[in-house]
Amino acid sequence: MNKIETYLYTDWAALTAQDWGGMLLTIAVFIAMAIAFFYALRPKNAKMLEEQRMMPLRDE
């Protein structure tokens, strides 16, 4: 286990502003994608999403 801990060790004090920004952006995108995924797969939203399926192809 010590070898894995050494490999995954992170020196938090050494992170730059770009490192923190990238990490926060990655976490935010992950959360947004998880919310969109669960929203799209909820059965109660199926009818509403099905009605909007052809919206990009309509000429209105």
PDB file of N, CA and C in Angstrom:
ATOM      1  N   MET A   1       0.817  -1.192   0.000  1.00  0.00           N
ATOM      2  CA  MET A   1       0.000   0.000   0.000  1.00  0.00           C
ATOM      3  C   MET A   1       0.863   1.258   0.000  1.00  0.00           C
ATOM      4  N   ASN A   2       2.014   1.202   0.564  1.00  0.00           N
ATOM      5  CA  ASN A   2       2.889   2.352   0.638  1.00  0.00           C
ATOM      6  C   ASN A   2       3.308   2.824  -0.748  1.00  0.00           C
ATOM      7  N   LYS A   3       3.485   1.891  -1.676  1.00  0.00           N
ATOM      8  CA  LYS A   3       3.889   2.251  -3.029  1.00  0.00           C
ATOM      9  C   LYS A   3       2.777   3.035  -3.737  1.00  0.00           C
ATOM     10  N   ILE A   4       1.528   2.649  -3.527  1.00  0.00           N
ATOM     11  CA  ILE A   4       0.393   3.352  -4.126  1.00  0.00           C
ATOM     12  C   ILE A   4       0.255   4.741  -3.516  1.00  0.00           C
ATOM     13  N   GLU A   5       0.405   4.845  -2.188  1.00  0.00           N
ATOM     14  CA  GLU A   5       0.317   6.145  -1.521  1.00  0.00           C
ATOM     15  C   GLU A   5       1.410   7.083  -2.022  1.00  0.00           C
ATOM     16  N   THR A   6       2.589   6.571  -2.234  1.00  0.00           N
ATOM     17  CA  THR A   6       3.687   7.386  -2.749  1.00  0.00           C
ATOM     18  C   THR A   6       3.391   7.849  -4.175  1.00  0.00           C
ATOM     19  N   TYR A   7       2.810   6.993  -4.987  1.00  0.00           N
ATOM     20  CA  TYR A   7       2.494   7.336  -6.374  1.00  0.00           C
ATOM     21  C   TYR A   7       1.388   8.389  -6.454  1.00  0.00           C
ATOM     22  N   LEU A   8       0.376   8.290  -5.580  1.00  0.00           N
ATOM     23  CA  LEU A   8      -0.764   9.197  -5.619  1.00  0.00           C
ATOM     24  C   LEU A   8      -0.601  10.431  -4.726  1.00  0.00           C
ATOM     25  N   TYR A   9       0.534  10.597  -4.093  1.00  0.00           N
ATOM     26  CA  TYR A   9       0.756  11.717  -3.182  1.00  0.00           C
ATOM     27  C   TYR A   9       0.700  13.043  -3.943  1.00  0.00           C
ATOM     28  N   THR A  10       0.040  14.041  -3.366  1.00  0.00           N
ATOM     29  CA  THR A  10      -0.060  15.367  -3.970  1.00  0.00           C
ATOM     30  C   THR A  10       0.451  16.401  -2.977  1.00  0.00           C
ATOM     31  N   ASP A  11       1.367  17.224  -3.434  1.00  0.00           N
ATOM     32  CA  ASP A  11       1.875  18.328  -2.614  1.00  0.00           C
ATOM     33  C   ASP A  11       0.985  19.542  -2.865  1.00  0.00           C
ATOM     34  N   TRP A  12      -0.043  19.706  -2.021  1.00  0.00           N
ATOM     35  CA  TRP A  12      -1.044  20.749  -2.224  1.00  0.00           C
ATOM     36  C   TRP A  12      -0.439  22.141  -2.175  1.00  0.00           C
ATOM     37  N   ALA A  13       0.604  22.340  -1.413  1.00  0.00           N
ATOM     38  CA  ALA A  13       1.232  23.658  -1.296  1.00  0.00           C
ATOM     39  C   ALA A  13       1.965  24.048  -2.576  1.00  0.00           C
ATOM     40  N   ALA A  14       2.333  23.073  -3.383  1.00  0.00           N
ATOM     41  CA  ALA A  14       3.090  23.350  -4.596  1.00  0.00           C
ATOM     42  C   ALA A  14       2.203  23.636  -5.811  1.00  0.00           C
ATOM     43  N   LEU A  15       0.888  23.534  -5.661  1.00  0.00           N
ATOM     44  CA  LEU A  15      -0.004  23.772  -6.796  1.00  0.00           C
ATOM     45  C   LEU A  15      -0.031  25.255  -7.156  1.00  0.00           C
ATOM     46  N   THR A  16       0.018  25.533  -8.444  1.00  0.00           N
ATOM     47  CA  THR A  16      -0.044  26.912  -8.916  1.00  0.00           C
ATOM     48  C   THR A  16      -1.498  27.321  -9.127  1.00  0.00           C
ATOM     49  N   ALA A  17      -1.708  28.579  -9.460  1.00  0.00           N
ATOM     50  CA  ALA A  17      -3.064  29.070  -9.719  1.00  0.00           C
ATOM     51  C   ALA A  17      -3.675  28.345 -10.914  1.00  0.00           C
ATOM     52  N   GLN A  18      -2.876  28.038 -11.922  1.00  0.00           N
ATOM     53  CA  GLN A  18      -3.390  27.297 -13.079  1.00  0.00           C
ATOM     54  C   GLN A  18      -3.787  25.879 -12.693  1.00  0.00           C
ATOM     55  N   ASP A  19      -3.033  25.258 -11.810  1.00  0.00           N
ATOM     56  CA  ASP A  19      -3.393  23.925 -11.325  1.00  0.00           C
ATOM     57  C   ASP A  19      -4.736  23.960 -10.609  1.00  0.00           C
ATOM     58  N   TRP A  20      -4.923  24.929  -9.711  1.00  0.00           N
ATOM     59  CA  TRP A  20      -6.187  25.052  -8.976  1.00  0.00           C
ATOM     60  C   TRP A  20      -7.335  25.352  -9.926  1.00  0.00           C
ATOM     61  N   GLY A  21      -7.109  26.254 -10.888  1.00  0.00           N
ATOM     62  CA  GLY A  21      -8.155  26.574 -11.856  1.00  0.00           C
ATOM     63  C   GLY A  21      -8.554  25.366 -12.679  1.00  0.00           C
ATOM     64  N   GLY A  22      -7.586  24.616 -13.126  1.00  0.00           N
ATOM     65  CA  GLY A  22      -7.865  23.414 -13.904  1.00  0.00           C
ATOM     66  C   GLY A  22      -8.601  22.372 -13.099  1.00  0.00           C
ATOM     67  N   MET A  23      -8.222  22.220 -11.842  1.00  0.00           N
ATOM     68  CA  MET A  23      -8.891  21.244 -10.984  1.00  0.00           C
ATOM     69  C   MET A  23     -10.338  21.665 -10.718  1.00  0.00           C
ATOM     70  N   LEU A  24     -10.554  22.931 -10.430  1.00  0.00           N
ATOM     71  CA  LEU A  24     -11.915  23.410 -10.171  1.00  0.00           C
ATOM     72  C   LEU A  24     -12.779  23.330 -11.425  1.00  0.00           C
ATOM     73  N   LEU A  25     -12.205  23.638 -12.572  1.00  0.00           N
ATOM     74  CA  LEU A  25     -12.945  23.535 -13.831  1.00  0.00           C
ATOM     75  C   LEU A  25     -13.320  22.080 -14.119  1.00  0.00           C
ATOM     76  N   THR A  26     -12.412  21.176 -13.896  1.00  0.00           N
ATOM     77  CA  THR A  26     -12.679  19.758 -14.102  1.00  0.00           C
ATOM     78  C   THR A  26     -13.806  19.265 -13.194  1.00  0.00           C
ATOM     79  N   ILE A  27     -13.769  19.669 -11.937  1.00  0.00           N
ATOM     80  CA  ILE A  27     -14.816  19.267 -10.991  1.00  0.00           C
ATOM     81  C   ILE A  27     -16.157  19.871 -11.399  1.00  0.00           C
ATOM     82  N   ALA A  28     -16.162  21.147 -11.812  1.00  0.00           N
ATOM     83  CA  ALA A  28     -17.409  21.805 -12.222  1.00  0.00           C
ATOM     84  C   ALA A  28     -18.010  21.138 -13.456  1.00  0.00           C
ATOM     85  N   VAL A  29     -17.183  20.795 -14.428  1.00  0.00           N
ATOM     86  CA  VAL A  29     -17.671  20.126 -15.636  1.00  0.00           C
ATOM     87  C   VAL A  29     -18.199  18.738 -15.293  1.00  0.00           C
ATOM     88  N   PHE A  30     -17.526  18.024 -14.407  1.00  0.00           N
ATOM     89  CA  PHE A  30     -17.997  16.699 -13.992  1.00  0.00           C
ATOM     90  C   PHE A  30     -19.376  16.798 -13.339  1.00  0.00           C
ATOM     91  N   ILE A  31     -19.550  17.768 -12.448  1.00  0.00           N
ATOM     92  CA  ILE A  31     -20.838  17.927 -11.767  1.00  0.00           C
ATOM     93  C   ILE A  31     -21.926  18.321 -12.770  1.00  0.00           C
ATOM     94  N   ALA A  32     -21.615  19.233 -13.693  1.00  0.00           N
ATOM     95  CA  ALA A  32     -22.602  19.653 -14.696  1.00  0.00           C
ATOM     96  C   ALA A  32     -23.010  18.480 -15.591  1.00  0.00           C
ATOM     97  N   MET A  33     -22.048  17.666 -15.993  1.00  0.00           N
ATOM     98  CA  MET A  33     -22.366  16.522 -16.834  1.00  0.00           C
ATOM     99  C   MET A  33     -23.177  15.475 -16.066  1.00  0.00           C
ATOM    100  N   ALA A  34     -22.886  15.285 -14.794  1.00  0.00           N
ATOM    101  CA  ALA A  34     -23.653  14.335 -13.985  1.00  0.00           C
ATOM    102  C   ALA A  34     -25.096  14.810 -13.838  1.00  0.00           C
ATOM    103  N   ILE A  35     -25.289  16.106 -13.608  1.00  0.00           N
ATOM    104  CA  ILE A  35     -26.646  16.651 -13.495  1.00  0.00           C
ATOM    105  C   ILE A  35     -27.390  16.487 -14.812  1.00  0.00           C
ATOM    106  N   ALA A  36     -26.749  16.818 -15.934  1.00  0.00           N
ATOM    107  CA  ALA A  36     -27.398  16.675 -17.239  1.00  0.00           C
ATOM    108  C   ALA A  36     -27.722  15.210 -17.525  1.00  0.00           C
ATOM    109  N   PHE A  37     -26.839  14.310 -17.174  1.00  0.00           N
ATOM    110  CA  PHE A  37     -27.048  12.888 -17.397  1.00  0.00           C
ATOM    111  C   PHE A  37     -28.264  12.386 -16.625  1.00  0.00           C
ATOM    112  N   PHE A  38     -28.330  12.717 -15.339  1.00  0.00           N
ATOM    113  CA  PHE A  38     -29.450  12.252 -14.525  1.00  0.00           C
ATOM    114  C   PHE A  38     -30.751  12.949 -14.910  1.00  0.00           C
ATOM    115  N   TYR A  39     -30.686  14.200 -15.338  1.00  0.00           N
ATOM    116  CA  TYR A  39     -31.886  14.915 -15.788  1.00  0.00           C
ATOM    117  C   TYR A  39     -32.459  14.261 -17.043  1.00  0.00           C
ATOM    118  N   ALA A  40     -31.592  13.902 -17.966  1.00  0.00           N
ATOM    119  CA  ALA A  40     -32.047  13.325 -19.233  1.00  0.00           C
ATOM    120  C   ALA A  40     -32.588  11.904 -19.056  1.00  0.00           C
ATOM    121  N   LEU A  41     -32.137  11.186 -18.062  1.00  0.00           N
ATOM    122  CA  LEU A  41     -32.559   9.796 -17.894  1.00  0.00           C
ATOM    123  C   LEU A  41     -33.692   9.606 -16.891  1.00  0.00           C
ATOM    124  N   ARG A  42     -34.198  10.674 -16.305  1.00  0.00           N
ATOM    125  CA  ARG A  42     -35.330  10.530 -15.379  1.00  0.00           C
ATOM    126  C   ARG A  42     -36.590  10.225 -16.176  1.00  0.00           C
ATOM    127  N   PRO A  43     -37.333   9.220 -15.780  1.00  0.00           N
ATOM    128  CA  PRO A  43     -38.541   8.842 -16.522  1.00  0.00           C
ATOM    129  C   PRO A  43     -39.584   9.957 -16.601  1.00  0.00           C
ATOM    130  N   LYS A  44     -39.690  10.803 -15.578  1.00  0.00           N
ATOM    131  CA  LYS A  44     -40.705  11.851 -15.620  1.00  0.00           C
ATOM    132  C   LYS A  44     -40.380  12.932 -16.650  1.00  0.00           C
ATOM    133  N   ASN A  45     -39.153  13.022 -17.112  1.00  0.00           N
ATOM    134  CA  ASN A  45     -38.765  14.003 -18.126  1.00  0.00           C
ATOM    135  C   ASN A  45     -38.808  13.428 -19.539  1.00  0.00           C
ATOM    136  N   ALA A  46     -39.116  12.161 -19.672  1.00  0.00           N
ATOM    137  CA  ALA A  46     -39.050  11.498 -20.974  1.00  0.00           C
ATOM    138  C   ALA A  46     -40.013  12.117 -21.985  1.00  0.00           C
ATOM    139  N   LYS A  47     -41.255  12.387 -21.587  1.00  0.00           N
ATOM    140  CA  LYS A  47     -42.231  12.935 -22.518  1.00  0.00           C
ATOM    141  C   LYS A  47     -41.833  14.334 -22.987  1.00  0.00           C
ATOM    142  N   MET A  48     -41.400  15.179 -22.063  1.00  0.00           N
ATOM    143  CA  MET A  48     -40.991  16.534 -22.422  1.00  0.00           C
ATOM    144  C   MET A  48     -39.794  16.506 -23.385  1.00  0.00           C
ATOM    145  N   LEU A  49     -38.808  15.668 -23.101  1.00  0.00           N
ATOM    146  CA  LEU A  49     -37.633  15.593 -23.963  1.00  0.00           C
ATOM    147  C   LEU A  49     -37.989  14.984 -25.323  1.00  0.00           C
ATOM    148  N   GLU A  50     -38.912  14.041 -25.335  1.00  0.00           N
ATOM    149  CA  GLU A  50     -39.339  13.427 -26.597  1.00  0.00           C
ATOM    150  C   GLU A  50     -40.058  14.440 -27.483  1.00  0.00           C
ATOM    151  N   GLU A  51     -40.834  15.334 -26.878  1.00  0.00           N
ATOM    152  CA  GLU A  51     -41.528  16.362 -27.653  1.00  0.00           C
ATOM    153  C   GLU A  51     -40.553  17.349 -28.284  1.00  0.00           C
ATOM    154  N   GLN A  52     -39.429  17.562 -27.671  1.00  0.00           N
ATOM    155  CA  GLN A  52     -38.441  18.524 -28.171  1.00  0.00           C
ATOM    156  C   GLN A  52     -37.365  17.876 -29.045  1.00  0.00           C
ATOM    157  N   ARG A  53     -37.518  16.615 -29.336  1.00  0.00           N
ATOM    158  CA  ARG A  53     -36.497  15.867 -30.061  1.00  0.00           C
ATOM    159  C   ARG A  53     -36.191  16.453 -31.452  1.00  0.00           C
ATOM    160  N   MET A  54     -37.214  16.866 -32.180  1.00  0.00           N
ATOM    161  CA  MET A  54     -37.006  17.340 -33.547  1.00  0.00           C
ATOM    162  C   MET A  54     -36.920  18.865 -33.639  1.00  0.00           C
ATOM    163  N   MET A  55     -36.788  19.551 -32.521  1.00  0.00           N
ATOM    164  CA  MET A  55     -36.758  21.005 -32.525  1.00  0.00           C
ATOM    165  C   MET A  55     -35.679  21.610 -33.433  1.00  0.00           C
ATOM    166  N   PRO A  56     -34.467  21.099 -33.490  1.00  0.00           N
ATOM    167  CA  PRO A  56     -33.449  21.708 -34.352  1.00  0.00           C
ATOM    168  C   PRO A  56     -33.779  21.592 -35.848  1.00  0.00           C
ATOM    169  N   LEU A  57     -34.622  20.641 -36.229  1.00  0.00           N
ATOM    170  CA  LEU A  57     -34.917  20.414 -37.637  1.00  0.00           C
ATOM    171  C   LEU A  57     -36.160  21.158 -38.132  1.00  0.00           C
ATOM    172  N   ARG A  58     -36.911  21.777 -37.239  1.00  0.00           N
ATOM    173  CA  ARG A  58     -38.144  22.487 -37.619  1.00  0.00           C
ATOM    174  C   ARG A  58     -37.815  23.847 -38.222  1.00  0.00           C
ATOM    175  N   ASP A  59     -38.560  24.219 -39.249  1.00  0.00           N
ATOM    176  CA  ASP A  59     -38.431  25.550 -39.867  1.00  0.00           C
ATOM    177  C   ASP A  59     -39.583  26.398 -39.374  1.00  0.00           C
ATOM    178  N   GLU A  60     -39.347  27.168 -38.355  1.00  0.00           N
ATOM    179  CA  GLU A  60     -40.397  28.034 -37.806  1.00  0.00           C
ATOM    180  C   GLU A  60     -39.964  29.469 -37.841  1.00  0.00           C
TER     181      GLU A  60
END
